[in-house]
Amino acid sequence: MTMHSFIRNTFFFAAALTGSISAQEIKLKSGDPPRVGATIVLELAGKLARDAKPAWEAQGPARIEGSNTDLTVKIVLNSPGPLVIICRIRTPGGEITRDLSLEITKDDKPKANAEQPLQQPRVEQPPGPAEAGDIIKLGFVAAGYMGDAMSGGVVINERSRDHPHSEPFSIRLDYKPRDIGWAAVSWQYVTQGTMNWGETKGKNLAGQDIHSLRIWARGLRSAEGDFPTVQFKSGGGTGPQVKIGYEASHEVVDEFRQLKGDWQPYCLDLSGEDLKNVVSAFTIVLTKAMNPTGGVVFLDDLHFSKQPCGK
């Protein structure tokens, strides 16, 4: 599904929900114009019934600061480009989705009273591989939603303060099974638009002596007493629309594993893999068959390592 078709399909209204919610749109409550570095506050206009629960998402070059389950949400704008803010409103009768599209612009206005540095001649650097390390710092973002994740089956909070492995935040992923029966989210290298299925090149990590992708993860026990079962992947993630020459250069798929309640390390072996075009650094998969009532997963310290698995 393309982003355009996804946005078109978000404005649906089930008759069973008319008594639960009267919210009509997302509005800008306060903040600066949508420029790089600004912080904006959005609110859900209208009244919500007591049993309605909003969940906000930011798809694009921005991040949610603080809670994503209140009537308002604070969003920090990281870089130029299109941004889609989504609010999924859940009720006992179903779900309504509202979205707002913004264009983040670059702030070229100089700071008041700031000394302007001398302009140095620009030296063109030849393109080369990036350094190994944290996948978020390398530019990979949770942008590739698949299966039930495309219809609200997954809600991600990238700034969870619930006992992170490394302060101050970890990533919380809430999975709720839907009709398709599985969901996946990929951390993609996005340089244009809001996602990348091979329409643009991935990250060049060749020549960095990378031997593994390291993941720290834990789960919450369900009402039935089970921890979530997940599958981790690295690589792949290109679709039928992939451009010639932009195909993912590697793909490593782990087996399904049941998480534990405390933080545990997991490792994907990348020894000998071709990393010259990494479109998707990391993917997590959950299925309804293994998680019939859903599950809550925490992720942290997702990073490429020069050490092989087992070391």
C-alpha atoms as a PDB file:
ATOM      1  CA  MET A   1       0.000   0.000   0.000  1.00  0.00           C
ATOM      2  CA  THR A   2       1.296   3.425  -0.937  1.00  0.00           C
ATOM      3  CA  MET A   3       1.318   6.369   1.452  1.00  0.00           C
ATOM      4  CA  HIS A   4      -1.216   8.149  -0.787  1.00  0.00           C
ATOM      5  CA  SER A   5      -3.708   5.279  -0.631  1.00  0.00           C
ATOM      6  CA  PHE A   6      -3.066   4.943   3.102  1.00  0.00           C
ATOM      7  CA  ILE A   7      -3.891   8.607   3.698  1.00  0.00           C
ATOM      8  CA  ARG A   8      -7.011   8.375   1.522  1.00  0.00           C
ATOM      9  CA  ASN A   9      -8.238   5.417   3.529  1.00  0.00           C
ATOM     10  CA  THR A  10      -7.678   6.944   6.971  1.00  0.00           C
ATOM     11  CA  PHE A  11     -10.851   9.056   6.945  1.00  0.00           C
ATOM     12  CA  PHE A  12     -13.441   6.379   7.591  1.00  0.00           C
ATOM     13  CA  PHE A  13     -16.288   6.496  10.057  1.00  0.00           C
ATOM     14  CA  ALA A  14     -18.012   3.361  11.333  1.00  0.00           C
ATOM     15  CA  ALA A  15     -21.646   3.811  12.251  1.00  0.00           C
ATOM     16  CA  ALA A  16     -21.113   1.888  15.472  1.00  0.00           C
ATOM     17  CA  LEU A  17     -18.783   4.621  16.695  1.00  0.00           C
ATOM     18  CA  THR A  18     -21.020   7.642  16.288  1.00  0.00           C
ATOM     19  CA  GLY A  19     -22.054   7.528  19.911  1.00  0.00           C
ATOM     20  CA  SER A  20     -18.496   7.223  21.197  1.00  0.00           C
ATOM     21  CA  ILE A  21     -16.680  10.141  19.596  1.00  0.00           C
ATOM     22  CA  SER A  22     -17.348  13.581  18.162  1.00  0.00           C
ATOM     23  CA  ALA A  23     -13.764  14.580  17.364  1.00  0.00           C
ATOM     24  CA  GLN A  24     -13.516  15.917  13.830  1.00  0.00           C
ATOM     25  CA  GLU A  25      -9.934  16.923  13.133  1.00  0.00           C
ATOM     26  CA  ILE A  26      -6.391  17.489  14.317  1.00  0.00           C
ATOM     27  CA  LYS A  27      -5.529  21.132  14.956  1.00  0.00           C
ATOM     28  CA  LEU A  28      -2.324  23.017  15.652  1.00  0.00           C
ATOM     29  CA  LYS A  29      -2.657  24.192  19.245  1.00  0.00           C
ATOM     30  CA  SER A  30       0.620  26.042  19.717  1.00  0.00           C
ATOM     31  CA  GLY A  31       4.210  26.221  18.590  1.00  0.00           C
ATOM     32  CA  ASP A  32       6.400  27.719  15.919  1.00  0.00           C
ATOM     33  CA  PRO A  33       5.816  27.337  12.176  1.00  0.00           C
ATOM     34  CA  PRO A  34       6.754  23.834  10.961  1.00  0.00           C
ATOM     35  CA  ARG A  35      10.466  24.485  10.484  1.00  0.00           C
ATOM     36  CA  VAL A  36      13.432  22.293  11.341  1.00  0.00           C
ATOM     37  CA  GLY A  37      14.195  22.452  15.069  1.00  0.00           C
ATOM     38  CA  ALA A  38      10.755  23.741  16.051  1.00  0.00           C
ATOM     39  CA  THR A  39       8.403  22.079  18.526  1.00  0.00           C
ATOM     40  CA  ILE A  40       4.680  22.050  17.803  1.00  0.00           C
ATOM     41  CA  VAL A  41       1.693  20.959  19.878  1.00  0.00           C
ATOM     42  CA  LEU A  42      -1.306  19.364  18.170  1.00  0.00           C
ATOM     43  CA  GLU A  43      -4.694  18.641  19.683  1.00  0.00           C
ATOM     44  CA  LEU A  44      -7.653  16.476  18.805  1.00  0.00           C
ATOM     45  CA  ALA A  45     -10.589  18.853  18.368  1.00  0.00           C
ATOM     46  CA  GLY A  46     -13.962  17.822  19.747  1.00  0.00           C
ATOM     47  CA  LYS A  47     -15.006  15.698  22.685  1.00  0.00           C
ATOM     48  CA  LEU A  48     -14.068  12.103  23.354  1.00  0.00           C
ATOM     49  CA  ALA A  49     -16.145   9.620  25.299  1.00  0.00           C
ATOM     50  CA  ARG A  50     -14.550   8.223  28.428  1.00  0.00           C
ATOM     51  CA  ASP A  51     -13.941   4.860  26.767  1.00  0.00           C
ATOM     52  CA  ALA A  52     -12.161   6.374  23.730  1.00  0.00           C
ATOM     53  CA  LYS A  53      -8.361   6.236  23.758  1.00  0.00           C
ATOM     54  CA  PRO A  54      -6.173   8.239  21.327  1.00  0.00           C
ATOM     55  CA  ALA A  55      -2.754   7.028  20.169  1.00  0.00           C
ATOM     56  CA  TRP A  56      -0.548   9.425  18.170  1.00  0.00           C
ATOM     57  CA  GLU A  57       2.099   8.580  15.574  1.00  0.00           C
ATOM     58  CA  ALA A  58       4.544  10.743  13.619  1.00  0.00           C
ATOM     59  CA  GLN A  59       5.496   9.357  10.196  1.00  0.00           C
ATOM     60  CA  GLY A  60       8.324  11.414   8.778  1.00  0.00           C
ATOM     61  CA  PRO A  61      11.334  13.424   9.996  1.00  0.00           C
ATOM     62  CA  ALA A  62       9.998  14.176  13.493  1.00  0.00           C
ATOM     63  CA  ARG A  63       9.617  12.566  16.892  1.00  0.00           C
ATOM     64  CA  ILE A  64       7.003  12.609  19.630  1.00  0.00           C
ATOM     65  CA  GLU A  65       8.168  14.096  22.915  1.00  0.00           C
ATOM     66  CA  GLY A  66       6.428  12.799  25.999  1.00  0.00           C
ATOM     67  CA  SER A  67       3.132  10.903  26.004  1.00  0.00           C
ATOM     68  CA  ASN A  68       1.453   9.805  22.767  1.00  0.00           C
ATOM     69  CA  THR A  69      -1.863   8.839  24.407  1.00  0.00           C
ATOM     70  CA  ASP A  70      -3.261  12.227  25.488  1.00  0.00           C
ATOM     71  CA  LEU A  71      -5.635  14.594  23.676  1.00  0.00           C
ATOM     72  CA  THR A  72      -2.602  16.744  22.831  1.00  0.00           C
ATOM     73  CA  VAL A  73       0.808  15.712  21.564  1.00  0.00           C
ATOM     74  CA  LYS A  74       4.151  17.512  21.422  1.00  0.00           C
ATOM     75  CA  ILE A  75       6.219  16.912  18.287  1.00  0.00           C
ATOM     76  CA  VAL A  76       9.842  17.924  17.623  1.00  0.00           C
ATOM     77  CA  LEU A  77      10.625  18.565  13.946  1.00  0.00           C
ATOM     78  CA  ASN A  78      14.009  17.065  13.058  1.00  0.00           C
ATOM     79  CA  SER A  79      14.661  17.677   9.365  1.00  0.00           C
ATOM     80  CA  PRO A  80      13.009  19.016   6.180  1.00  0.00           C
ATOM     81  CA  GLY A  81      10.395  16.970   4.374  1.00  0.00           C
ATOM     82  CA  PRO A  82       6.775  15.822   4.447  1.00  0.00           C
ATOM     83  CA  LEU A  83       5.315  14.756   7.783  1.00  0.00           C
ATOM     84  CA  VAL A  84       2.078  12.890   8.495  1.00  0.00           C
ATOM     85  CA  ILE A  85       0.662  13.039  12.022  1.00  0.00           C
ATOM     86  CA  ILE A  86      -1.773  10.212  12.733  1.00  0.00           C
ATOM     87  CA  CYS A  87      -4.149   9.857  15.668  1.00  0.00           C
ATOM     88  CA  ARG A  88      -5.829   6.474  16.080  1.00  0.00           C
ATOM     89  CA  ILE A  89      -8.875   6.730  18.354  1.00  0.00           C
ATOM     90  CA  ARG A  90      -9.812   3.389  19.835  1.00  0.00           C
ATOM     91  CA  THR A  91     -13.194   2.576  21.362  1.00  0.00           C
ATOM     92  CA  PRO A  92     -14.918  -0.664  22.368  1.00  0.00           C
ATOM     93  CA  GLY A  93     -16.773  -0.505  19.050  1.00  0.00           C
ATOM     94  CA  GLY A  94     -13.780  -0.070  16.782  1.00  0.00           C
ATOM     95  CA  GLU A  95     -11.305   2.573  15.667  1.00  0.00           C
ATOM     96  CA  ILE A  96     -11.277   5.912  13.853  1.00  0.00           C
ATOM     97  CA  THR A  97      -8.153   7.407  12.331  1.00  0.00           C
ATOM     98  CA  ARG A  98      -7.456  11.092  11.814  1.00  0.00           C
ATOM     99  CA  ASP A  99      -4.356  12.504  10.143  1.00  0.00           C
ATOM    100  CA  LEU A 100      -2.737  15.831   9.352  1.00  0.00           C
ATOM    101  CA  SER A 101      -0.083  16.429   6.681  1.00  0.00           C
ATOM    102  CA  LEU A 102       2.606  19.075   7.150  1.00  0.00           C
ATOM    103  CA  GLU A 103       5.672  20.134   5.207  1.00  0.00           C
ATOM    104  CA  ILE A 104       8.701  20.784   7.404  1.00  0.00           C
ATOM    105  CA  THR A 105      10.843  23.547   5.938  1.00  0.00           C
ATOM    106  CA  LYS A 106      14.432  24.468   6.590  1.00  0.00           C
ATOM    107  CA  ASP A 107      14.897  27.500   8.804  1.00  0.00           C
ATOM    108  CA  ASP A 108      17.347  29.670   6.884  1.00  0.00           C
ATOM    109  CA  LYS A 109      16.759  32.744   9.041  1.00  0.00           C
ATOM    110  CA  PRO A 110      19.919  33.656  11.038  1.00  0.00           C
ATOM    111  CA  LYS A 111      19.682  33.777  14.816  1.00  0.00           C
ATOM    112  CA  ALA A 112      19.386  37.257  16.316  1.00  0.00           C
ATOM    113  CA  ASN A 113      22.624  38.642  17.790  1.00  0.00           C
ATOM    114  CA  ALA A 114      24.500  35.532  16.766  1.00  0.00           C
ATOM    115  CA  GLU A 115      27.956  35.790  15.349  1.00  0.00           C
ATOM    116  CA  GLN A 116      28.039  34.522  11.808  1.00  0.00           C
ATOM    117  CA  PRO A 117      30.946  32.192  11.103  1.00  0.00           C
ATOM    118  CA  LEU A 118      33.266  32.949   8.239  1.00  0.00           C
ATOM    119  CA  GLN A 119      32.280  31.142   5.089  1.00  0.00           C
ATOM    120  CA  GLN A 120      34.821  28.468   4.308  1.00  0.00           C
ATOM    121  CA  PRO A 121      35.320  27.100   0.820  1.00  0.00           C
ATOM    122  CA  ARG A 122      33.256  23.974   0.395  1.00  0.00           C
ATOM    123  CA  VAL A 123      35.299  20.864  -0.219  1.00  0.00           C
ATOM    124  CA  GLU A 124      33.385  18.137  -2.010  1.00  0.00           C
ATOM    125  CA  GLN A 125      33.880  14.786  -0.339  1.00  0.00           C
ATOM    126  CA  PRO A 126      33.606  11.619  -2.389  1.00  0.00           C
ATOM    127  CA  PRO A 127      30.701   9.363  -1.372  1.00  0.00           C
ATOM    128  CA  GLY A 128      31.752   6.608   0.980  1.00  0.00           C
ATOM    129  CA  PRO A 129      30.428   4.143   3.531  1.00  0.00           C
ATOM    130  CA  ALA A 130      28.976   5.300   6.833  1.00  0.00           C
ATOM    131  CA  GLU A 131      30.406   4.381  10.216  1.00  0.00           C
ATOM    132  CA  ALA A 132      28.928   1.444  12.105  1.00  0.00           C
ATOM    133  CA  GLY A 133      26.867   2.137  15.190  1.00  0.00           C
ATOM    134  CA  ASP A 134      23.393   2.951  16.487  1.00  0.00           C
ATOM    135  CA  ILE A 135      20.854   2.508  13.661  1.00  0.00           C
ATOM    136  CA  ILE A 136      18.854   5.563  14.741  1.00  0.00           C
ATOM    137  CA  LYS A 137      21.945   7.787  14.616  1.00  0.00           C
ATOM    138  CA  LEU A 138      22.762   6.292  11.213  1.00  0.00           C
ATOM    139  CA  GLY A 139      19.460   7.632   9.893  1.00  0.00           C
ATOM    140  CA  PHE A 140      17.151   4.596  10.043  1.00  0.00           C
ATOM    141  CA  VAL A 141      13.589   5.325  11.167  1.00  0.00           C
ATOM    142  CA  ALA A 142      10.502   3.211  11.938  1.00  0.00           C
ATOM    143  CA  ALA A 143       8.771   3.918   8.629  1.00  0.00           C
ATOM    144  CA  GLY A 144       7.997   0.568   6.991  1.00  0.00           C
ATOM    145  CA  TYR A 145       4.608  -0.573   8.318  1.00  0.00           C
ATOM    146  CA  MET A 146       3.336  -3.927   7.033  1.00  0.00           C
ATOM    147  CA  GLY A 147       0.377  -6.251   7.590  1.00  0.00           C
ATOM    148  CA  ASP A 148      -1.887  -5.207  10.453  1.00  0.00           C
ATOM    149  CA  ALA A 149       0.541  -2.399  11.304  1.00  0.00           C
ATOM    150  CA  MET A 150      -0.880  -0.466   8.329  1.00  0.00           C
ATOM    151  CA  SER A 151      -4.340  -0.362   9.906  1.00  0.00           C
ATOM    152  CA  GLY A 152      -3.461   0.539  13.487  1.00  0.00           C
ATOM    153  CA  GLY A 153      -2.396  -2.891  14.707  1.00  0.00           C
ATOM    154  CA  VAL A 154       0.907  -1.451  15.943  1.00  0.00           C
ATOM    155  CA  VAL A 155       1.486   1.689  17.985  1.00  0.00           C
ATOM    156  CA  ILE A 156       5.079   2.806  18.609  1.00  0.00           C
ATOM    157  CA  ASN A 157       6.355   5.144  21.288  1.00  0.00           C
ATOM    158  CA  GLU A 158      10.048   5.863  20.667  1.00  0.00           C
ATOM    159  CA  ARG A 159      10.443   7.794  23.915  1.00  0.00           C
ATOM    160  CA  SER A 160       9.215   5.351  26.532  1.00  0.00           C
ATOM    161  CA  ARG A 161      10.580   5.975  30.032  1.00  0.00           C
ATOM    162  CA  ASP A 162       9.421   2.584  31.309  1.00  0.00           C
ATOM    163  CA  HIS A 163      12.721   1.089  32.556  1.00  0.00           C
ATOM    164  CA  PRO A 164      14.848   1.605  29.421  1.00  0.00           C
ATOM    165  CA  HIS A 165      17.959  -0.516  28.963  1.00  0.00           C
ATOM    166  CA  SER A 166      19.966   2.661  28.344  1.00  0.00           C
ATOM    167  CA  GLU A 167      18.729   5.989  29.680  1.00  0.00           C
ATOM    168  CA  PRO A 168      16.743   8.034  28.955  1.00  0.00           C
ATOM    169  CA  PHE A 169      14.376   6.226  26.552  1.00  0.00           C
ATOM    170  CA  SER A 170      13.570   2.908  24.941  1.00  0.00           C
ATOM    171  CA  ILE A 171      11.135   2.017  22.144  1.00  0.00           C
ATOM    172  CA  ARG A 172       7.740   0.612  23.134  1.00  0.00           C
ATOM    173  CA  LEU A 173       5.732  -1.331  20.544  1.00  0.00           C
ATOM    174  CA  ASP A 174       2.087  -2.283  21.249  1.00  0.00           C
ATOM    175  CA  TYR A 175       0.709  -5.000  18.950  1.00  0.00           C
ATOM    176  CA  LYS A 176      -3.029  -5.667  18.570  1.00  0.00           C
ATOM    177  CA  PRO A 177      -3.953  -8.421  16.067  1.00  0.00           C
ATOM    178  CA  ARG A 178      -6.324  -7.521  13.248  1.00  0.00           C
ATOM    179  CA  ASP A 179      -7.744  -9.170  10.142  1.00  0.00           C
ATOM    180  CA  ILE A 180      -4.466  -9.898   8.336  1.00  0.00           C
ATOM    181  CA  GLY A 181      -3.075 -11.817  11.292  1.00  0.00           C
ATOM    182  CA  TRP A 182       0.484 -10.482  11.352  1.00  0.00           C
ATOM    183  CA  ALA A 183       2.301  -7.180  11.634  1.00  0.00           C
ATOM    184  CA  ALA A 184       5.814  -5.931  10.969  1.00  0.00           C
ATOM    185  CA  VAL A 185       7.693  -2.657  11.254  1.00  0.00           C
ATOM    186  CA  SER A 186      10.988  -1.901   9.494  1.00  0.00           C
ATOM    187  CA  TRP A 187      13.532   0.739  10.431  1.00  0.00           C
ATOM    188  CA  GLN A 188      14.229   2.106   6.940  1.00  0.00           C
ATOM    189  CA  TYR A 189      16.786   4.530   5.537  1.00  0.00           C
ATOM    190  CA  VAL A 190      14.548   7.361   4.306  1.00  0.00           C
ATOM    191  CA  THR A 191      15.988  10.314   2.390  1.00  0.00           C
ATOM    192  CA  GLN A 192      12.870  11.271   0.405  1.00  0.00           C
ATOM    193  CA  GLY A 193       9.233  11.044   1.418  1.00  0.00           C
ATOM    194  CA  THR A 194       8.146   9.142   4.513  1.00  0.00           C
ATOM    195  CA  MET A 195       9.222   5.570   3.705  1.00  0.00           C
ATOM    196  CA  ASN A 196      11.561   3.614   1.456  1.00  0.00           C
ATOM    197  CA  TRP A 197      10.768   0.290  -0.214  1.00  0.00           C
ATOM    198  CA  GLY A 198      13.610   0.658  -2.680  1.00  0.00           C
ATOM    199  CA  GLU A 199      12.474   3.857  -4.381  1.00  0.00           C
ATOM    200  CA  THR A 200      15.713   5.458  -3.165  1.00  0.00           C
ATOM    201  CA  LYS A 201      19.103   4.075  -2.238  1.00  0.00           C
ATOM    202  CA  GLY A 202      19.780   2.632   1.185  1.00  0.00           C
ATOM    203  CA  LYS A 203      22.731   3.264   3.498  1.00  0.00           C
ATOM    204  CA  ASN A 204      26.209   2.181   2.433  1.00  0.00           C
ATOM    205  CA  LEU A 205      27.757   0.259   5.336  1.00  0.00           C
ATOM    206  CA  ALA A 206      30.283  -1.687   3.276  1.00  0.00           C
ATOM    207  CA  GLY A 207      33.920  -1.740   4.334  1.00  0.00           C
ATOM    208  CA  GLN A 208      33.156  -1.135   8.032  1.00  0.00           C
ATOM    209  CA  ASP A 209      33.993  -4.666   9.215  1.00  0.00           C
ATOM    210  CA  ILE A 210      30.451  -5.131  10.536  1.00  0.00           C
ATOM    211  CA  HIS A 211      29.739  -8.635  11.788  1.00  0.00           C
ATOM    212  CA  SER A 212      26.410  -8.363  13.599  1.00  0.00           C
ATOM    213  CA  LEU A 213      23.288  -6.409  14.453  1.00  0.00           C
ATOM    214  CA  ARG A 214      22.685  -6.237  18.198  1.00  0.00           C
ATOM    215  CA  ILE A 215      19.226  -5.845  19.764  1.00  0.00           C
ATOM    216  CA  TRP A 216      18.173  -5.491  23.388  1.00  0.00           C
ATOM    217  CA  ALA A 217      14.560  -6.497  23.953  1.00  0.00           C
ATOM    218  CA  ARG A 218      12.051  -7.436  26.635  1.00  0.00           C
ATOM    219  CA  GLY A 219       8.299  -8.039  26.775  1.00  0.00           C
ATOM    220  CA  LEU A 220       5.346  -7.545  29.069  1.00  0.00           C
ATOM    221  CA  ARG A 221       3.419 -10.581  30.253  1.00  0.00           C
ATOM    222  CA  SER A 222      -0.093 -10.762  28.766  1.00  0.00           C
ATOM    223  CA  ALA A 223      -3.295 -11.301  30.755  1.00  0.00           C
ATOM    224  CA  GLU A 224      -2.928 -14.995  29.884  1.00  0.00           C
ATOM    225  CA  GLY A 225       0.542 -15.012  31.431  1.00  0.00           C
ATOM    226  CA  ASP A 226       2.580 -15.243  28.211  1.00  0.00           C
ATOM    227  CA  PHE A 227       5.411 -13.053  26.977  1.00  0.00           C
ATOM    228  CA  PRO A 228       5.295 -11.932  23.317  1.00  0.00           C
ATOM    229  CA  THR A 229       6.921 -14.032  20.606  1.00  0.00           C
ATOM    230  CA  VAL A 230       8.730 -12.074  17.890  1.00  0.00           C
ATOM    231  CA  GLN A 231      11.003 -12.452  14.896  1.00  0.00           C
ATOM    232  CA  PHE A 232      13.932 -10.141  14.135  1.00  0.00           C
ATOM    233  CA  LYS A 233      15.326  -9.441  10.664  1.00  0.00           C
ATOM    234  CA  SER A 234      18.039  -7.300   9.101  1.00  0.00           C
ATOM    235  CA  GLY A 235      18.076  -6.294   5.469  1.00  0.00           C
ATOM    236  CA  GLY A 236      15.583  -6.998   2.712  1.00  0.00           C
ATOM    237  CA  GLY A 237      12.585  -4.680   2.814  1.00  0.00           C
ATOM    238  CA  THR A 238      12.420  -3.729  -0.858  1.00  0.00           C
ATOM    239  CA  GLY A 239       9.095  -4.061  -2.678  1.00  0.00           C
ATOM    240  CA  PRO A 240       7.921  -4.584  -6.255  1.00  0.00           C
ATOM    241  CA  GLN A 241       8.458  -0.892  -6.969  1.00  0.00           C
ATOM    242  CA  VAL A 242      12.197  -1.106  -6.234  1.00  0.00           C
ATOM    243  CA  LYS A 243      14.360   0.683  -8.778  1.00  0.00           C
ATOM    244  CA  ILE A 244      16.999  -1.269 -10.655  1.00  0.00           C
ATOM    245  CA  GLY A 245      20.223  -1.075  -8.680  1.00  0.00           C
ATOM    246  CA  TYR A 246      18.428  -0.128  -5.445  1.00  0.00           C
ATOM    247  CA  GLU A 247      17.696  -3.700  -4.338  1.00  0.00           C
ATOM    248  CA  ALA A 248      18.611  -4.560  -0.745  1.00  0.00           C
ATOM    249  CA  SER A 249      22.117  -5.997  -0.710  1.00  0.00           C
ATOM    250  CA  HIS A 250      21.557  -8.382   2.230  1.00  0.00           C
ATOM    251  CA  GLU A 251      18.856 -10.146   4.229  1.00  0.00           C
ATOM    252  CA  VAL A 252      19.227 -12.107   7.469  1.00  0.00           C
ATOM    253  CA  VAL A 253      16.165 -13.633   9.162  1.00  0.00           C
ATOM    254  CA  ASP A 254      16.164 -15.008  12.701  1.00  0.00           C
ATOM    255  CA  GLU A 255      13.769 -17.611  14.119  1.00  0.00           C
ATOM    256  CA  PHE A 256      10.750 -16.654  16.205  1.00  0.00           C
ATOM    257  CA  ARG A 257      11.698 -16.220  19.858  1.00  0.00           C
ATOM    258  CA  GLN A 258       9.667 -15.680  23.007  1.00  0.00           C
ATOM    259  CA  LEU A 259      10.914 -12.651  24.903  1.00  0.00           C
ATOM    260  CA  LYS A 260      11.472 -12.462  28.645  1.00  0.00           C
ATOM    261  CA  GLY A 261      10.368  -9.916  31.190  1.00  0.00           C
ATOM    262  CA  ASP A 262      13.853  -8.496  31.711  1.00  0.00           C
ATOM    263  CA  TRP A 263      16.242  -7.076  29.144  1.00  0.00           C
ATOM    264  CA  GLN A 264      17.990  -9.704  27.034  1.00  0.00           C
ATOM    265  CA  PRO A 265      20.526  -9.302  24.201  1.00  0.00           C
ATOM    266  CA  TYR A 266      19.821 -10.723  20.748  1.00  0.00           C
ATOM    267  CA  CYS A 267      22.192 -10.912  17.804  1.00  0.00           C
ATOM    268  CA  LEU A 268      21.836 -11.293  14.030  1.00  0.00           C
ATOM    269  CA  ASP A 269      24.933 -12.653  12.290  1.00  0.00           C
ATOM    270  CA  LEU A 270      26.010 -10.361   9.435  1.00  0.00           C
ATOM    271  CA  SER A 271      29.451 -11.883   8.861  1.00  0.00           C
ATOM    272  CA  GLY A 272      30.116 -12.082   5.134  1.00  0.00           C
ATOM    273  CA  GLU A 273      26.978 -10.104   4.217  1.00  0.00           C
ATOM    274  CA  ASP A 274      27.088  -7.425   1.512  1.00  0.00           C
ATOM    275  CA  LEU A 275      26.122  -4.163   3.245  1.00  0.00           C
ATOM    276  CA  LYS A 276      26.599  -1.705   0.397  1.00  0.00           C
ATOM    277  CA  ASN A 277      22.857  -0.907   0.172  1.00  0.00           C
ATOM    278  CA  VAL A 278      21.029  -1.337   3.496  1.00  0.00           C
ATOM    279  CA  VAL A 279      17.448  -0.191   2.923  1.00  0.00           C
ATOM    280  CA  SER A 280      16.098  -1.733   6.125  1.00  0.00           C
ATOM    281  CA  ALA A 281      18.479  -2.113   9.049  1.00  0.00           C
ATOM    282  CA  PHE A 282      16.034  -3.880  11.361  1.00  0.00           C
ATOM    283  CA  THR A 283      12.552  -5.394  11.196  1.00  0.00           C
ATOM    284  CA  ILE A 284      10.374  -6.860  13.932  1.00  0.00           C
ATOM    285  CA  VAL A 285       7.550  -9.295  13.101  1.00  0.00           C
ATOM    286  CA  LEU A 286       4.649 -10.450  15.300  1.00  0.00           C
ATOM    287  CA  THR A 287       1.856 -12.861  14.389  1.00  0.00           C
ATOM    288  CA  LYS A 288      -1.642 -13.426  15.716  1.00  0.00           C
ATOM    289  CA  ALA A 289      -0.988 -17.179  15.811  1.00  0.00           C
ATOM    290  CA  MET A 290       1.815 -16.715  18.347  1.00  0.00           C
ATOM    291  CA  ASN A 291       0.338 -13.672  20.099  1.00  0.00           C
ATOM    292  CA  PRO A 292      -3.454 -14.208  19.963  1.00  0.00           C
ATOM    293  CA  THR A 293      -4.259 -11.286  22.284  1.00  0.00           C
ATOM    294  CA  GLY A 294      -1.389  -9.073  21.128  1.00  0.00           C
ATOM    295  CA  GLY A 295       1.681  -8.072  23.038  1.00  0.00           C
ATOM    296  CA  VAL A 296       3.917  -5.276  24.282  1.00  0.00           C
ATOM    297  CA  VAL A 297       7.584  -5.254  23.249  1.00  0.00           C
ATOM    298  CA  PHE A 298      10.386  -2.927  24.365  1.00  0.00           C
ATOM    299  CA  LEU A 299      13.474  -2.401  22.172  1.00  0.00           C
ATOM    300  CA  ASP A 300      16.696  -0.545  22.931  1.00  0.00           C
ATOM    301  CA  ASP A 301      20.304  -0.121  21.785  1.00  0.00           C
ATOM    302  CA  LEU A 302      19.727  -1.309  18.208  1.00  0.00           C
ATOM    303  CA  HIS A 303      23.208  -1.123  16.710  1.00  0.00           C
ATOM    304  CA  PHE A 304      25.603  -2.608  14.192  1.00  0.00           C
ATOM    305  CA  SER A 305      28.695  -4.137  15.752  1.00  0.00           C
ATOM    306  CA  LYS A 306      32.150  -5.133  14.575  1.00  0.00           C
ATOM    307  CA  GLN A 307      32.010  -8.070  16.974  1.00  0.00           C
ATOM    308  CA  PRO A 308      30.549 -11.369  15.738  1.00  0.00           C
ATOM    309  CA  CYS A 309      27.651 -12.936  17.592  1.00  0.00           C
ATOM    310  CA  GLY A 310      28.805 -14.715  20.730  1.00  0.00           C
ATOM    311  CA  LYS A 311      31.419 -12.093  21.590  1.00  0.00           C
END
